[in-house]
C-alpha cells in the first residue's frame, strides 16, 4: 500500500489497495485503520466493490447504524443511499460544516462513503481537522471552554421543516444530546473541538463566574458558540476531494467535520454511505 498525503493537516490517498480484500485480510485492515487514525480521512480510487462488500468492510470497524430520516437500502441495512436528482430540491443539511449525527448520545465512529455516480465537474466534499482546530485556539479560549457542554438537536435540523406533530415525535424519539465542547478522542487521546451545525446552545454557560449581566449570557454565549463553530471554515484545516465513480472516502467522525459542496445542478449525484456506531462522548 502506498500512502500519498494530500494536505499538511488532513487527508491521504491510499494506492494499491482493494477494499474487498480488507474484508478478510486482518493485516490490510489494520493498516487502513492506522492510516485513518493518522490522517483522519483516507481516500481510494477505482474500487469496484459490491454493496455487500461495502457493508462488510464498514462492519469491520463496528456495527452499522440506520438514519431515522434518510433510511437504509432495504437489502443492506446500514447502507444509506444519498441520491440527488436534477428535479430534487437541494439538501439543506449536507452543505453545512457538520459532524454526522451528533444529535445521538453516541455519534458515529466513522463512515465509509462510495461514489456511484457524480457530475463531470462539481459535487466535491471537504473535510476539516477538528483536532487541529482545537490545538490552534488561543489559550484564553481553551480555558474558557474547558468545562463547557453543548446540546445537539435533530429537531432543529432534520425536523425543522416537518409538520409540528412529526417534528415533536422525532424529538421524542431522539431527545437533544449533550456533549462536551472539547471531546477526548477515545483511541488517540487527542482533544477535539466538538461543536458543529447540529449544535444549538451551550447548556452550562450561565454560571455566576461567567455571567455578570444578561448580555454576558445572551448574546455572549451564542457569540462564543458561533466563533467555535466557525473554526471548521479555516482552509488550513481542510482537504477537498474530487469524486469519480467508484471513489471511496473513509473518515473518522470523532475528529472531523465535512461539507458536501452543492455546486452541480442540474446533474445527478449518487452516493452510498455506511455509518459505524460510535461511543458516548
C-alpha atoms as a PDB file:
ATOM      1  CA  UNK A   1       0.000   0.000   0.000  1.00  0.00           C
ATOM      2  CA  UNK A   2       1.284   3.446  -0.944  1.00  0.00           C
ATOM      3  CA  UNK A   3       0.121   6.497   1.035  1.00  0.00           C
ATOM      4  CA  UNK A   4       0.048   9.966  -0.523  1.00  0.00           C
ATOM      5  CA  UNK A   5      -0.632  12.743   1.973  1.00  0.00           C
ATOM      6  CA  UNK A   6      -2.958  15.358   0.462  1.00  0.00           C
ATOM      7  CA  UNK A   7      -2.501  18.347   2.793  1.00  0.00           C
ATOM      8  CA  UNK A   8      -0.313  19.229   5.759  1.00  0.00           C
ATOM      9  CA  UNK A   9      -3.286  18.959   8.118  1.00  0.00           C
ATOM     10  CA  UNK A  10      -5.653  16.228   6.956  1.00  0.00           C
ATOM     11  CA  UNK A  11      -6.272  13.578   4.318  1.00  0.00           C
ATOM     12  CA  UNK A  12      -4.341  10.907   2.426  1.00  0.00           C
ATOM     13  CA  UNK A  13      -4.959   8.783  -0.653  1.00  0.00           C
ATOM     14  CA  UNK A  14      -4.306   5.050  -0.370  1.00  0.00           C
ATOM     15  CA  UNK A  15      -2.935   3.477  -3.566  1.00  0.00           C
ATOM     16  CA  UNK A  16      -2.618  -0.176  -4.477  1.00  0.00           C
ATOM     17  CA  UNK A  17      -5.441  -1.279  -2.179  1.00  0.00           C
ATOM     18  CA  UNK A  18      -8.591  -3.285  -2.885  1.00  0.00           C
ATOM     19  CA  UNK A  19     -11.079  -2.726  -0.067  1.00  0.00           C
ATOM     20  CA  UNK A  20     -12.775  -6.020  -0.830  1.00  0.00           C
ATOM     21  CA  UNK A  21      -9.539  -7.756   0.253  1.00  0.00           C
ATOM     22  CA  UNK A  22      -9.622  -5.912   3.584  1.00  0.00           C
ATOM     23  CA  UNK A  23     -12.900  -7.639   4.454  1.00  0.00           C
ATOM     24  CA  UNK A  24     -10.924 -10.838   5.120  1.00  0.00           C
ATOM     25  CA  UNK A  25      -7.314  -9.637   5.417  1.00  0.00           C
ATOM     26  CA  UNK A  26      -6.685  -8.622   9.044  1.00  0.00           C
ATOM     27  CA  UNK A  27      -3.270  -7.145   8.301  1.00  0.00           C
ATOM     28  CA  UNK A  28      -4.533  -4.968   5.470  1.00  0.00           C
ATOM     29  CA  UNK A  29      -7.484  -3.786   7.525  1.00  0.00           C
ATOM     30  CA  UNK A  30      -5.164  -2.886  10.425  1.00  0.00           C
ATOM     31  CA  UNK A  31      -3.004  -0.824   8.032  1.00  0.00           C
ATOM     32  CA  UNK A  32      -6.051   1.049   6.726  1.00  0.00           C
ATOM     33  CA  UNK A  33      -7.287   1.725  10.241  1.00  0.00           C
ATOM     34  CA  UNK A  34      -3.872   3.034  11.281  1.00  0.00           C
ATOM     35  CA  UNK A  35      -3.792   5.423   8.312  1.00  0.00           C
ATOM     36  CA  UNK A  36      -7.303   6.595   9.201  1.00  0.00           C
ATOM     37  CA  UNK A  37      -6.237   7.492  12.743  1.00  0.00           C
ATOM     38  CA  UNK A  38      -3.186   9.296  11.380  1.00  0.00           C
ATOM     39  CA  UNK A  39      -4.816  11.245   8.539  1.00  0.00           C
ATOM     40  CA  UNK A  40      -8.475  11.369   9.810  1.00  0.00           C
ATOM     41  CA  UNK A  41      -9.858  10.802   6.305  1.00  0.00           C
ATOM     42  CA  UNK A  42      -8.457   8.442   3.659  1.00  0.00           C
ATOM     43  CA  UNK A  43      -9.444   8.148   0.010  1.00  0.00           C
ATOM     44  CA  UNK A  44      -9.309   5.385  -2.583  1.00  0.00           C
ATOM     45  CA  UNK A  45      -9.998   5.351  -6.326  1.00  0.00           C
ATOM     46  CA  UNK A  46     -11.307   2.633  -8.655  1.00  0.00           C
ATOM     47  CA  UNK A  47     -12.970   0.467  -6.010  1.00  0.00           C
ATOM     48  CA  UNK A  48     -15.389  -1.711  -7.945  1.00  0.00           C
ATOM     49  CA  UNK A  49     -16.961  -3.299  -4.880  1.00  0.00           C
ATOM     50  CA  UNK A  50     -20.488  -4.575  -4.376  1.00  0.00           C
ATOM     51  CA  UNK A  51     -22.887  -3.174  -1.818  1.00  0.00           C
ATOM     52  CA  UNK A  52     -22.403  -6.341   0.218  1.00  0.00           C
ATOM     53  CA  UNK A  53     -18.619  -5.810   0.216  1.00  0.00           C
ATOM     54  CA  UNK A  54     -19.085  -2.138   1.109  1.00  0.00           C
ATOM     55  CA  UNK A  55     -21.181  -3.103   4.138  1.00  0.00           C
ATOM     56  CA  UNK A  56     -18.876  -5.966   5.114  1.00  0.00           C
ATOM     57  CA  UNK A  57     -15.812  -3.692   5.061  1.00  0.00           C
ATOM     58  CA  UNK A  58     -17.520  -0.979   7.123  1.00  0.00           C
ATOM     59  CA  UNK A  59     -18.639  -3.592   9.664  1.00  0.00           C
ATOM     60  CA  UNK A  60     -15.002  -4.375  10.405  1.00  0.00           C
ATOM     61  CA  UNK A  61     -14.964  -1.086  12.336  1.00  0.00           C
ATOM     62  CA  UNK A  62     -18.201  -1.883  14.218  1.00  0.00           C
ATOM     63  CA  UNK A  63     -21.925  -2.323  13.818  1.00  0.00           C
ATOM     64  CA  UNK A  64     -23.706  -0.046  11.343  1.00  0.00           C
ATOM     65  CA  UNK A  65     -26.475   2.423  12.124  1.00  0.00           C
ATOM     66  CA  UNK A  66     -29.657   3.389  10.319  1.00  0.00           C
ATOM     67  CA  UNK A  67     -30.640   7.016   9.766  1.00  0.00           C
ATOM     68  CA  UNK A  68     -34.120   7.920  11.053  1.00  0.00           C
ATOM     69  CA  UNK A  69     -34.798  10.348   8.186  1.00  0.00           C
ATOM     70  CA  UNK A  70     -32.692   9.135   5.244  1.00  0.00           C
ATOM     71  CA  UNK A  71     -33.352   5.431   5.768  1.00  0.00           C
ATOM     72  CA  UNK A  72     -31.277   2.478   4.512  1.00  0.00           C
ATOM     73  CA  UNK A  73     -31.066   0.273   1.454  1.00  0.00           C
ATOM     74  CA  UNK A  74     -33.730  -2.420   2.017  1.00  0.00           C
ATOM     75  CA  UNK A  75     -31.318  -5.223   1.149  1.00  0.00           C
ATOM     76  CA  UNK A  76     -28.339  -3.829   3.075  1.00  0.00           C
ATOM     77  CA  UNK A  77     -29.282  -2.368   6.483  1.00  0.00           C
ATOM     78  CA  UNK A  78     -26.969   0.461   7.461  1.00  0.00           C
ATOM     79  CA  UNK A  79     -26.219   1.487   3.869  1.00  0.00           C
ATOM     80  CA  UNK A  80     -27.802   4.910   3.292  1.00  0.00           C
ATOM     81  CA  UNK A  81     -28.449   5.946  -0.293  1.00  0.00           C
ATOM     82  CA  UNK A  82     -27.802   9.668  -0.799  1.00  0.00           C
ATOM     83  CA  UNK A  83     -29.195  10.186  -4.284  1.00  0.00           C
ATOM     84  CA  UNK A  84     -29.603  13.676  -5.764  1.00  0.00           C
ATOM     85  CA  UNK A  85     -31.563  14.334  -8.948  1.00  0.00           C
ATOM     86  CA  UNK A  86     -31.969  17.468 -11.072  1.00  0.00           C
ATOM     87  CA  UNK A  87     -35.662  17.653 -10.127  1.00  0.00           C
ATOM     88  CA  UNK A  88     -34.979  17.327  -6.390  1.00  0.00           C
ATOM     89  CA  UNK A  89     -34.636  20.376  -4.120  1.00  0.00           C
ATOM     90  CA  UNK A  90     -31.140  20.970  -2.818  1.00  0.00           C
ATOM     91  CA  UNK A  91     -30.422  19.381   0.572  1.00  0.00           C
ATOM     92  CA  UNK A  92     -30.098  21.816   3.458  1.00  0.00           C
ATOM     93  CA  UNK A  93     -28.039  19.569   5.729  1.00  0.00           C
ATOM     94  CA  UNK A  94     -25.104  18.294   3.683  1.00  0.00           C
ATOM     95  CA  UNK A  95     -23.828  21.688   2.562  1.00  0.00           C
ATOM     96  CA  UNK A  96     -23.025  22.892   6.059  1.00  0.00           C
ATOM     97  CA  UNK A  97     -19.947  22.021   8.069  1.00  0.00           C
ATOM     98  CA  UNK A  98     -21.039  19.189  10.344  1.00  0.00           C
ATOM     99  CA  UNK A  99     -20.072  16.028  12.164  1.00  0.00           C
ATOM    100  CA  UNK A 100     -22.545  13.267  11.385  1.00  0.00           C
ATOM    101  CA  UNK A 101     -25.370  12.640  13.845  1.00  0.00           C
ATOM    102  CA  UNK A 102     -24.033  14.426  16.914  1.00  0.00           C
ATOM    103  CA  UNK A 103     -27.703  14.598  17.906  1.00  0.00           C
ATOM    104  CA  UNK A 104     -27.178  10.988  19.025  1.00  0.00           C
ATOM    105  CA  UNK A 105     -25.903  10.253  22.541  1.00  0.00           C
ATOM    106  CA  UNK A 106     -23.310   8.062  20.819  1.00  0.00           C
ATOM    107  CA  UNK A 107     -22.425   9.752  17.491  1.00  0.00           C
ATOM    108  CA  UNK A 108     -20.990   7.586  14.690  1.00  0.00           C
ATOM    109  CA  UNK A 109     -17.398   6.434  14.975  1.00  0.00           C
ATOM    110  CA  UNK A 110     -16.900   6.973  11.267  1.00  0.00           C
ATOM    111  CA  UNK A 111     -18.281   6.451   7.779  1.00  0.00           C
ATOM    112  CA  UNK A 112     -17.405   4.725   4.519  1.00  0.00           C
ATOM    113  CA  UNK A 113     -18.792   6.676   1.553  1.00  0.00           C
ATOM    114  CA  UNK A 114     -18.747   5.398  -2.048  1.00  0.00           C
ATOM    115  CA  UNK A 115     -19.473   7.401  -5.193  1.00  0.00           C
ATOM    116  CA  UNK A 116     -21.856   5.611  -7.554  1.00  0.00           C
ATOM    117  CA  UNK A 117     -22.448   8.496  -9.973  1.00  0.00           C
ATOM    118  CA  UNK A 118     -21.262  12.099  -9.925  1.00  0.00           C
ATOM    119  CA  UNK A 119     -21.202  15.212 -12.112  1.00  0.00           C
ATOM    120  CA  UNK A 120     -18.253  15.658 -14.500  1.00  0.00           C
ATOM    121  CA  UNK A 121     -17.353  18.790 -12.516  1.00  0.00           C
ATOM    122  CA  UNK A 122     -18.505  19.852  -9.055  1.00  0.00           C
ATOM    123  CA  UNK A 123     -20.018  17.971  -6.156  1.00  0.00           C
ATOM    124  CA  UNK A 124     -16.759  17.757  -4.196  1.00  0.00           C
ATOM    125  CA  UNK A 125     -16.683  17.014  -0.465  1.00  0.00           C
ATOM    126  CA  UNK A 126     -14.465  18.786   2.066  1.00  0.00           C
ATOM    127  CA  UNK A 127     -13.245  17.661   5.492  1.00  0.00           C
ATOM    128  CA  UNK A 128     -11.800  19.661   8.392  1.00  0.00           C
ATOM    129  CA  UNK A 129      -9.419  18.501  11.130  1.00  0.00           C
ATOM    130  CA  UNK A 130     -11.069  19.411  14.436  1.00  0.00           C
ATOM    131  CA  UNK A 131      -8.076  18.252  16.490  1.00  0.00           C
ATOM    132  CA  UNK A 132      -6.005  20.919  14.754  1.00  0.00           C
ATOM    133  CA  UNK A 133      -8.858  23.405  15.163  1.00  0.00           C
ATOM    134  CA  UNK A 134      -8.771  22.883  18.925  1.00  0.00           C
ATOM    135  CA  UNK A 135      -4.970  22.866  19.182  1.00  0.00           C
ATOM    136  CA  UNK A 136      -4.676  26.261  17.490  1.00  0.00           C
ATOM    137  CA  UNK A 137      -7.302  28.041  19.582  1.00  0.00           C
ATOM    138  CA  UNK A 138      -5.969  30.882  21.746  1.00  0.00           C
ATOM    139  CA  UNK A 139      -5.111  29.751  25.275  1.00  0.00           C
ATOM    140  CA  UNK A 140      -7.722  32.017  26.873  1.00  0.00           C
ATOM    141  CA  UNK A 141     -10.439  30.436  24.710  1.00  0.00           C
ATOM    142  CA  UNK A 142      -9.249  26.943  25.647  1.00  0.00           C
ATOM    143  CA  UNK A 143      -9.513  27.880  29.318  1.00  0.00           C
ATOM    144  CA  UNK A 144     -12.990  29.340  28.800  1.00  0.00           C
ATOM    145  CA  UNK A 145     -14.403  26.247  27.109  1.00  0.00           C
ATOM    146  CA  UNK A 146     -12.627  23.524  29.110  1.00  0.00           C
ATOM    147  CA  UNK A 147     -15.708  22.525  31.131  1.00  0.00           C
ATOM    148  CA  UNK A 148     -18.449  23.639  28.754  1.00  0.00           C
ATOM    149  CA  UNK A 149     -21.080  21.304  27.355  1.00  0.00           C
ATOM    150  CA  UNK A 150     -23.434  21.830  24.428  1.00  0.00           C
ATOM    151  CA  UNK A 151     -26.745  20.498  23.096  1.00  0.00           C
ATOM    152  CA  UNK A 152     -27.120  18.933  19.637  1.00  0.00           C
ATOM    153  CA  UNK A 153     -30.541  18.617  18.028  1.00  0.00           C
ATOM    154  CA  UNK A 154     -32.157  16.582  15.260  1.00  0.00           C
ATOM    155  CA  UNK A 155     -35.391  18.522  15.816  1.00  0.00           C
ATOM    156  CA  UNK A 156     -33.760  21.851  14.920  1.00  0.00           C
ATOM    157  CA  UNK A 157     -32.159  20.398  11.766  1.00  0.00           C
ATOM    158  CA  UNK A 158     -33.843  17.456  10.045  1.00  0.00           C
ATOM    159  CA  UNK A 159     -37.068  18.096  11.948  1.00  0.00           C
ATOM    160  CA  UNK A 160     -37.354  21.817  11.279  1.00  0.00           C
ATOM    161  CA  UNK A 161     -39.304  21.531   8.007  1.00  0.00           C
ATOM    162  CA  UNK A 162     -41.606  18.766   9.266  1.00  0.00           C
ATOM    163  CA  UNK A 163     -45.205  19.322  10.409  1.00  0.00           C
ATOM    164  CA  UNK A 164     -45.197  20.024  14.132  1.00  0.00           C
ATOM    165  CA  UNK A 165     -46.604  16.629  15.128  1.00  0.00           C
ATOM    166  CA  UNK A 166     -43.975  14.767  13.143  1.00  0.00           C
ATOM    167  CA  UNK A 167     -41.224  17.080  14.392  1.00  0.00           C
ATOM    168  CA  UNK A 168     -42.177  16.562  18.043  1.00  0.00           C
ATOM    169  CA  UNK A 169     -42.385  12.808  17.503  1.00  0.00           C
ATOM    170  CA  UNK A 170     -38.861  12.866  16.061  1.00  0.00           C
ATOM    171  CA  UNK A 171     -37.610  14.818  19.085  1.00  0.00           C
ATOM    172  CA  UNK A 172     -39.329  12.377  21.457  1.00  0.00           C
ATOM    173  CA  UNK A 173     -37.521   9.522  19.743  1.00  0.00           C
ATOM    174  CA  UNK A 174     -34.189  11.387  19.662  1.00  0.00           C
ATOM    175  CA  UNK A 175     -34.043  13.925  22.518  1.00  0.00           C
ATOM    176  CA  UNK A 176     -31.340  16.568  22.251  1.00  0.00           C
ATOM    177  CA  UNK A 177     -27.956  15.048  23.088  1.00  0.00           C
ATOM    178  CA  UNK A 178     -25.421  16.814  25.287  1.00  0.00           C
ATOM    179  CA  UNK A 179     -21.704  16.530  24.561  1.00  0.00           C
ATOM    180  CA  UNK A 180     -18.581  18.234  25.891  1.00  0.00           C
ATOM    181  CA  UNK A 181     -17.461  21.160  23.763  1.00  0.00           C
ATOM    182  CA  UNK A 182     -13.980  19.632  23.883  1.00  0.00           C
ATOM    183  CA  UNK A 183     -14.160  15.883  23.334  1.00  0.00           C
ATOM    184  CA  UNK A 184     -11.328  13.445  24.052  1.00  0.00           C
ATOM    185  CA  UNK A 185     -10.758  11.028  21.170  1.00  0.00           C
ATOM    186  CA  UNK A 186     -11.309   7.523  22.596  1.00  0.00           C
ATOM    187  CA  UNK A 187      -8.435   5.920  20.648  1.00  0.00           C
ATOM    188  CA  UNK A 188      -5.761   8.606  20.343  1.00  0.00           C
ATOM    189  CA  UNK A 189      -6.435  10.648  23.492  1.00  0.00           C
ATOM    190  CA  UNK A 190      -6.380  13.871  21.441  1.00  0.00           C
ATOM    191  CA  UNK A 191      -8.619  16.809  22.297  1.00  0.00           C
ATOM    192  CA  UNK A 192     -11.237  17.618  19.654  1.00  0.00           C
ATOM    193  CA  UNK A 193     -13.339  20.756  19.200  1.00  0.00           C
ATOM    194  CA  UNK A 194     -16.766  19.101  19.114  1.00  0.00           C
ATOM    195  CA  UNK A 195     -19.419  21.633  18.060  1.00  0.00           C
ATOM    196  CA  UNK A 196     -20.966  21.903  14.609  1.00  0.00           C
ATOM    197  CA  UNK A 197     -24.114  22.759  12.643  1.00  0.00           C
ATOM    198  CA  UNK A 198     -26.248  20.424  14.802  1.00  0.00           C
ATOM    199  CA  UNK A 199     -25.248  22.328  17.989  1.00  0.00           C
ATOM    200  CA  UNK A 200     -27.963  24.644  19.282  1.00  0.00           C
ATOM    201  CA  UNK A 201     -26.573  26.139  22.504  1.00  0.00           C
ATOM    202  CA  UNK A 202     -24.088  25.864  25.350  1.00  0.00           C
ATOM    203  CA  UNK A 203     -26.004  24.142  28.109  1.00  0.00           C
ATOM    204  CA  UNK A 204     -23.949  25.061  31.211  1.00  0.00           C
ATOM    205  CA  UNK A 205     -22.671  28.524  30.314  1.00  0.00           C
ATOM    206  CA  UNK A 206     -24.979  30.538  32.572  1.00  0.00           C
ATOM    207  CA  UNK A 207     -22.999  30.459  35.837  1.00  0.00           C
ATOM    208  CA  UNK A 208     -22.110  33.298  38.243  1.00  0.00           C
ATOM    209  CA  UNK A 209     -18.462  33.079  37.160  1.00  0.00           C
ATOM    210  CA  UNK A 210     -19.352  33.736  33.517  1.00  0.00           C
ATOM    211  CA  UNK A 211     -22.471  35.878  33.659  1.00  0.00           C
ATOM    212  CA  UNK A 212     -22.445  39.283  35.367  1.00  0.00           C
ATOM    213  CA  UNK A 213     -25.268  40.806  33.322  1.00  0.00           C
ATOM    214  CA  UNK A 214     -27.799  39.408  30.882  1.00  0.00           C
ATOM    215  CA  UNK A 215     -25.762  40.224  27.804  1.00  0.00           C
ATOM    216  CA  UNK A 216     -22.932  38.039  29.094  1.00  0.00           C
ATOM    217  CA  UNK A 217     -25.229  35.071  28.518  1.00  0.00           C
ATOM    218  CA  UNK A 218     -27.158  36.373  25.527  1.00  0.00           C
ATOM    219  CA  UNK A 219     -25.576  37.144  23.107  1.00  0.00           C
ATOM    220  CA  UNK A 220     -22.317  36.287  24.919  1.00  0.00           C
ATOM    221  CA  UNK A 221     -22.779  32.506  24.883  1.00  0.00           C
ATOM    222  CA  UNK A 222     -24.173  32.426  21.353  1.00  0.00           C
ATOM    223  CA  UNK A 223     -21.296  34.541  20.059  1.00  0.00           C
ATOM    224  CA  UNK A 224     -18.787  32.170  21.655  1.00  0.00           C
ATOM    225  CA  UNK A 225     -20.552  29.182  20.109  1.00  0.00           C
ATOM    226  CA  UNK A 226     -20.630  30.862  16.697  1.00  0.00           C
ATOM    227  CA  UNK A 227     -16.895  31.548  16.966  1.00  0.00           C
ATOM    228  CA  UNK A 228     -16.171  27.919  17.869  1.00  0.00           C
ATOM    229  CA  UNK A 229     -18.328  26.520  15.055  1.00  0.00           C
ATOM    230  CA  UNK A 230     -16.601  28.833  12.571  1.00  0.00           C
ATOM    231  CA  UNK A 231     -13.205  27.216  13.203  1.00  0.00           C
ATOM    232  CA  UNK A 232     -14.100  24.462  10.713  1.00  0.00           C
ATOM    233  CA  UNK A 233     -14.249  27.112   7.981  1.00  0.00           C
ATOM    234  CA  UNK A 234     -10.478  27.756   8.097  1.00  0.00           C
ATOM    235  CA  UNK A 235      -8.811  26.397   4.896  1.00  0.00           C
ATOM    236  CA  UNK A 236      -5.593  25.425   6.691  1.00  0.00           C
ATOM    237  CA  UNK A 237      -7.533  22.687   8.494  1.00  0.00           C
ATOM    238  CA  UNK A 238      -9.218  21.311   5.364  1.00  0.00           C
ATOM    239  CA  UNK A 239      -8.884  18.886   2.474  1.00  0.00           C
ATOM    240  CA  UNK A 240     -11.093  18.840  -0.641  1.00  0.00           C
ATOM    241  CA  UNK A 241     -11.789  15.643  -2.586  1.00  0.00           C
ATOM    242  CA  UNK A 242     -12.964  15.470  -6.183  1.00  0.00           C
ATOM    243  CA  UNK A 243     -15.225  12.485  -6.726  1.00  0.00           C
ATOM    244  CA  UNK A 244     -15.150   9.979  -9.553  1.00  0.00           C
ATOM    245  CA  UNK A 245     -17.312   6.853  -9.831  1.00  0.00           C
ATOM    246  CA  UNK A 246     -16.059   4.083  -7.523  1.00  0.00           C
ATOM    247  CA  UNK A 247     -14.076   6.511  -5.384  1.00  0.00           C
ATOM    248  CA  UNK A 248     -14.339   5.957  -1.636  1.00  0.00           C
ATOM    249  CA  UNK A 249     -13.790   8.152   1.407  1.00  0.00           C
ATOM    250  CA  UNK A 250     -13.382   6.733   4.915  1.00  0.00           C
ATOM    251  CA  UNK A 251     -13.430   9.276   7.708  1.00  0.00           C
ATOM    252  CA  UNK A 252     -13.103   9.404  11.466  1.00  0.00           C
ATOM    253  CA  UNK A 253     -16.315  11.142  12.502  1.00  0.00           C
ATOM    254  CA  UNK A 254     -14.968  11.756  16.012  1.00  0.00           C
ATOM    255  CA  UNK A 255     -12.234  14.156  14.911  1.00  0.00           C
ATOM    256  CA  UNK A 256     -13.529  15.755  11.704  1.00  0.00           C
ATOM    257  CA  UNK A 257     -16.299  17.771  10.126  1.00  0.00           C
ATOM    258  CA  UNK A 258     -17.280  17.625   6.460  1.00  0.00           C
ATOM    259  CA  UNK A 259     -19.148  19.667   3.870  1.00  0.00           C
ATOM    260  CA  UNK A 260     -20.747  18.433   0.631  1.00  0.00           C
ATOM    261  CA  UNK A 261     -20.364  21.187  -1.949  1.00  0.00           C
ATOM    262  CA  UNK A 262     -23.633  21.610  -3.869  1.00  0.00           C
ATOM    263  CA  UNK A 263     -22.449  23.385  -6.991  1.00  0.00           C
ATOM    264  CA  UNK A 264     -23.543  20.795  -9.549  1.00  0.00           C
ATOM    265  CA  UNK A 265     -27.211  21.211 -10.624  1.00  0.00           C
ATOM    266  CA  UNK A 266     -28.741  20.124 -12.903  1.00  0.00           C
ATOM    267  CA  UNK A 267     -26.799  16.845 -12.549  1.00  0.00           C
ATOM    268  CA  UNK A 268     -27.213  13.555 -10.761  1.00  0.00           C
ATOM    269  CA  UNK A 269     -25.045  12.702  -7.765  1.00  0.00           C
ATOM    270  CA  UNK A 270     -25.442   9.251  -6.211  1.00  0.00           C
ATOM    271  CA  UNK A 271     -23.536   8.307  -3.063  1.00  0.00           C
ATOM    272  CA  UNK A 272     -23.866   5.362  -0.694  1.00  0.00           C
ATOM    273  CA  UNK A 273     -22.750   5.662   2.926  1.00  0.00           C
ATOM    274  CA  UNK A 274     -22.232   3.156   5.721  1.00  0.00           C
ATOM    275  CA  UNK A 275     -22.163   4.833   9.141  1.00  0.00           C
ATOM    276  CA  UNK A 276     -20.477   2.984  12.012  1.00  0.00           C
ATOM    277  CA  UNK A 277     -21.960   3.141  15.507  1.00  0.00           C
ATOM    278  CA  UNK A 278     -19.699   5.014  17.918  1.00  0.00           C
ATOM    279  CA  UNK A 279     -19.180   5.535  21.654  1.00  0.00           C
ATOM    280  CA  UNK A 280     -20.730   8.025  24.031  1.00  0.00           C
ATOM    281  CA  UNK A 281     -18.621  11.152  24.380  1.00  0.00           C
END
